[in-house]
Protein backbone atom coordinates (compact mmCIF):
# COMPACT_ATOMS: atom_id res chain seq x y z
CA MET A 1 -4.45 -3.04 5.14
CA GLY A 2 -6.18 -0.01 3.75
CA GLU A 3 -9.89 0.55 4.07
CA ALA A 4 -13.07 0.64 2.06
CA HIS A 5 -14.39 4.15 1.57
CA GLY A 6 -17.07 4.60 4.22
CA ASP A 7 -16.33 1.18 5.80
CA VAL A 8 -13.06 1.78 7.61
CA GLU A 9 -14.15 0.00 10.77
CA GLN A 10 -15.49 -2.99 8.85
CA THR A 11 -12.24 -3.45 6.94
CA SER A 12 -10.14 -2.81 10.03
CA ARG A 13 -12.05 -5.47 11.96
CA SER A 14 -11.55 -7.96 9.14
CA TYR A 15 -7.80 -7.43 9.13
CA ASP A 16 -7.69 -7.57 12.92
CA THR A 17 -9.26 -11.01 12.62
CA VAL A 18 -6.66 -12.37 10.20
CA ALA A 19 -3.60 -10.40 11.37
CA GLU A 20 -1.68 -13.33 12.85
CA GLN A 21 -2.43 -15.67 9.93
CA TYR A 22 -1.72 -12.92 7.41
CA ALA A 23 1.74 -12.45 8.88
CA LYS A 24 2.43 -16.19 8.71
CA GLN A 25 1.30 -16.39 5.07
CA ILE A 26 2.55 -13.08 3.64
CA ALA A 27 5.34 -11.59 5.76
CA HIS A 28 8.13 -13.52 4.01
CA GLU A 29 6.86 -13.17 0.44
CA LEU A 30 9.36 -10.50 -0.70
CA ALA A 31 12.09 -13.16 -0.71
CA GLY A 32 10.37 -14.67 -3.75
CA LYS A 33 9.50 -11.42 -5.53
CA PRO A 34 12.53 -10.03 -7.39
CA VAL A 35 10.55 -7.40 -9.34
CA ASP A 36 9.06 -5.98 -6.16
CA ARG A 37 12.44 -5.86 -4.44
CA ALA A 38 13.94 -4.07 -7.44
CA LEU A 39 11.18 -1.47 -7.41
CA TYR A 40 11.53 -0.87 -3.69
CA GLY A 41 15.26 -0.52 -4.23
CA LEU A 42 14.61 2.06 -6.94
CA PHE A 43 12.24 3.92 -4.62
CA ALA A 44 14.88 3.91 -1.87
CA GLU A 45 17.52 5.27 -4.25
CA LEU A 46 15.24 8.07 -5.42
CA VAL A 47 13.88 9.12 -2.04
CA GLY A 48 17.21 9.03 -0.19
CA THR A 49 17.69 9.14 3.56
CA ASP A 50 16.67 12.74 4.20
CA GLY A 51 13.31 12.46 5.92
CA THR A 52 10.61 9.96 6.80
CA VAL A 53 9.03 7.62 4.29
CA ALA A 54 5.73 5.88 4.97
CA ASP A 55 4.36 2.45 4.16
CA VAL A 56 0.62 3.13 4.01
CA GLY A 57 -1.39 -0.04 4.51
CA CYS A 58 1.67 -1.71 6.00
CA GLY A 59 -0.09 -4.83 7.28
CA PRO A 60 2.33 -6.94 9.33
CA GLY A 61 5.22 -4.63 8.45
CA HIS A 62 7.34 -6.69 6.08
CA VAL A 63 7.62 -4.02 3.36
CA ALA A 64 8.34 -1.33 5.95
CA ASP A 65 11.12 -3.48 7.39
CA HIS A 66 12.55 -4.14 3.93
CA LEU A 67 12.70 -0.40 3.27
CA ALA A 68 14.34 0.13 6.66
CA SER A 69 16.95 -2.47 5.69
CA LEU A 70 17.77 -0.23 2.71
CA GLY A 71 18.63 2.62 5.06
CA LEU A 72 15.33 4.53 5.08
CA ASN A 73 13.60 6.07 8.09
CA VAL A 74 10.26 4.28 7.84
CA LEU A 75 6.85 4.78 9.39
CA GLY A 76 4.34 1.97 8.85
CA VAL A 77 0.68 3.02 8.88
CA ASP A 78 -2.35 0.73 8.89
CA ALA A 79 -6.04 1.06 9.71
CA SER A 80 -5.97 -2.25 11.61
CA PRO A 81 -4.74 -2.05 15.21
CA GLY A 82 -4.26 -5.81 15.09
CA MET A 83 -1.88 -5.51 12.16
CA ILE A 84 0.05 -2.76 13.92
CA THR A 85 0.40 -4.94 17.03
CA VAL A 86 1.82 -7.78 14.91
CA ALA A 87 4.15 -5.43 13.02
CA ARG A 88 5.56 -3.97 16.23
CA ARG A 89 6.21 -7.48 17.55
CA LEU A 90 7.90 -8.72 14.37
CA TYR A 91 10.01 -5.71 13.37
CA SER A 92 11.98 -3.22 15.44
CA ARG A 93 13.50 -1.00 12.75
CA PRO A 94 10.42 0.87 11.48
CA ARG A 95 7.95 2.79 13.62
CA PHE A 96 4.30 1.81 13.33
CA GLU A 97 1.10 3.80 13.90
CA VAL A 98 -2.61 3.25 13.36
CA GLY A 99 -3.90 5.56 10.64
CA THR A 100 -6.18 5.72 7.62
CA PHE A 101 -6.19 7.27 4.16
CA ALA A 102 -8.82 9.70 5.44
CA ALA A 103 -6.35 11.27 7.87
CA LEU A 104 -2.73 10.20 7.51
CA PRO A 105 -0.59 10.74 10.64
CA ALA A 106 1.57 13.45 9.05
CA ASP A 107 1.75 17.23 8.85
CA ASP A 108 1.58 18.82 5.40
CA GLY A 109 4.67 17.85 3.41
CA ALA A 110 6.11 15.84 6.29
CA TRP A 111 7.07 12.75 4.31
CA ALA A 112 9.87 12.41 1.80
CA GLY A 113 7.89 9.68 0.12
CA ALA A 114 5.49 6.80 0.58
CA VAL A 115 4.80 3.31 -0.68
CA VAL A 116 1.23 2.05 -0.91
CA PRO A 117 1.41 -1.72 -1.43
CA TYR A 118 -2.00 -3.16 -2.26
CA SER A 119 -3.95 -0.99 0.18
CA ILE A 120 -5.95 1.07 -2.34
CA ILE A 121 -7.58 -2.17 -3.49
CA HIS A 122 -10.08 -1.83 -0.64
CA LEU A 123 -11.14 1.67 -1.71
CA ASP A 124 -13.94 2.56 -4.09
CA ARG A 125 -13.43 5.26 -6.74
CA ASP A 126 -14.22 8.18 -4.44
CA GLY A 127 -12.01 6.68 -1.76
CA ARG A 128 -9.09 6.28 -4.15
CA ARG A 129 -9.38 9.88 -5.31
CA ALA A 130 -9.50 11.11 -1.72
CA ALA A 131 -6.53 8.91 -0.80
CA ALA A 132 -4.46 10.40 -3.64
CA VAL A 133 -5.22 13.91 -2.38
CA GLU A 134 -4.32 12.97 1.19
CA LEU A 135 -1.06 11.35 0.06
CA ALA A 136 -0.25 14.51 -1.90
CA ARG A 137 -0.81 16.53 1.26
CA ALA A 138 1.50 14.35 3.34
CA ILE A 139 4.33 14.01 0.77
CA ARG A 140 6.55 17.03 0.25
CA PRO A 141 7.08 18.52 -3.22
CA GLY A 142 9.82 16.52 -4.91
CA GLY A 143 8.93 13.44 -2.90
CA TRP A 144 8.15 10.03 -4.35
CA LEU A 145 5.18 7.68 -4.30
CA LEU A 146 5.08 4.00 -5.28
CA VAL A 147 1.60 2.47 -5.53
CA ALA A 148 0.94 -1.23 -6.16
CA PHE A 149 -2.39 -2.91 -6.95
CA HIS A 150 -4.05 -5.84 -8.70
CA ILE A 151 -5.17 -5.36 -12.31
CA ALA A 152 -7.00 -8.65 -12.91
CA ASP A 153 -6.96 -12.36 -12.26
CA ALA A 154 -8.57 -15.38 -13.92
CA ASP A 155 -11.99 -14.60 -12.43
CA ASN A 156 -11.91 -10.82 -12.09
CA PRO A 157 -11.21 -8.35 -14.91
CA ALA A 158 -10.17 -4.76 -14.26
CA GLY A 159 -13.13 -2.87 -12.89
CA SER A 160 -14.61 -5.80 -11.00
CA VAL A 161 -14.90 -6.24 -7.24
CA ALA A 162 -14.35 -9.52 -5.40
CA HIS A 163 -16.08 -9.78 -2.02
CA LEU A 164 -14.50 -12.03 0.58
CA THR A 165 -16.47 -13.37 3.56
CA GLU A 166 -13.96 -16.02 4.68
CA TRP A 167 -10.16 -15.88 4.69
CA TRP A 168 -7.88 -18.53 6.17
CA GLY A 169 -10.81 -19.91 8.12
CA ALA A 170 -11.79 -16.55 9.63
CA GLU A 171 -14.94 -14.56 8.96
CA VAL A 172 -14.21 -11.29 7.12
CA ASP A 173 -16.11 -8.66 5.15
CA LEU A 174 -13.75 -7.29 2.50
CA ASP A 175 -14.02 -5.89 -1.01
CA PHE A 176 -11.05 -6.28 -3.35
CA HIS A 177 -11.09 -3.90 -6.32
CA PHE A 178 -9.25 -4.86 -9.53
CA LEU A 179 -8.00 -1.65 -11.12
CA ASP A 180 -7.02 -0.37 -14.54
CA PRO A 181 -3.66 1.41 -14.17
CA ALA A 182 -4.98 4.28 -16.31
CA TRP A 183 -7.63 5.03 -13.68
CA VAL A 184 -5.12 5.13 -10.83
CA SER A 185 -2.72 7.21 -12.92
CA ALA A 186 -5.47 9.75 -13.58
CA ASP A 187 -6.31 10.00 -9.88
CA LEU A 188 -2.66 10.58 -9.01
CA ALA A 189 -2.28 13.24 -11.71
CA ALA A 190 -5.38 15.06 -10.48
CA ALA A 191 -3.92 15.12 -6.96
CA GLY A 192 -0.60 16.63 -8.06
CA PHE A 193 1.62 13.66 -8.89
CA ARG A 194 3.57 13.21 -12.12
CA LEU A 195 3.77 9.59 -13.28
CA MET A 196 7.41 8.68 -13.93
CA SER A 197 7.25 4.91 -14.38
CA ARG A 198 4.64 2.19 -14.79
CA THR A 199 5.53 -1.48 -14.35
CA ASP A 200 2.91 -4.13 -15.09
CA ARG A 201 3.80 -7.73 -14.42
CA GLU A 202 2.37 -11.20 -14.57
CA PRO A 203 1.80 -13.25 -11.40
CA TRP A 204 4.90 -14.80 -9.92
CA PRO A 205 4.46 -18.59 -9.80
CA ALA A 206 4.00 -20.30 -6.43
CA VAL A 207 4.63 -17.10 -4.46
CA GLU A 208 1.45 -15.03 -4.48
CA HIS A 209 -2.16 -14.81 -5.54
CA GLN A 210 -2.09 -15.30 -9.30
CA SER A 211 -3.08 -11.82 -10.47
CA ARG A 212 -1.64 -9.32 -12.92
CA ARG A 213 -0.24 -6.36 -11.03
CA SER A 214 0.80 -2.77 -11.60
CA TYR A 215 3.33 -0.53 -9.87
CA LEU A 216 3.10 3.21 -10.44
CA LEU A 217 6.05 5.42 -9.49
CA ALA A 218 5.13 9.08 -9.25
CA LEU A 219 6.80 12.35 -8.32
CA ARG A 220 5.08 14.95 -6.13
CA ASP A 221 5.14 18.11 -8.21
CA GLY A 222 3.88 20.66 -5.70
CA PHE A 223 0.95 21.48 -3.50
CA GLY A 224 -2.29 21.92 -5.44
């Protein structure tokens, strides 16, 4: 899901390696995450059914399918072909395509909105800024964006980077950035988004990695 700025292939290969295990471990997690479901429901209410919405960094497709279950026309996008293969096998309601933050598979203003669940965590600062600009290009004025990311955990404060070389027994090469919501908010504002809501929450017990998390809901004001 997502990519490191300048290391798209490296990150894609890592997620290809863990795609099947990732789906087994993560694909059912929304059932135990009431705050996330409520925020996706809010996003669905705001964006409506007029147009395509994207799940950028869709992984095995579980969030995309959840949005589709709410009546949205959903396109799942991920840099990992392996993840897209798994998503297409598991879920029939959304469409899925390989794509990156560097070049989203959308014409200017083609999307009514997008969700970005934990995919900017693999981007460095320049990559996050560029991703915000590319999302602003793809989302039409008046469209909505919901971005989720890790703030900190017991070992990693905001601003730190955790490097993973092994995941579920597989060899990977991944950076996980822990982000201050103010930094992400500033990047979104610079790209042409207006922050409408910020939700920070504590880790949900026994469901997920135990990190503090943030969810930024933003409105696309107009093309910059």
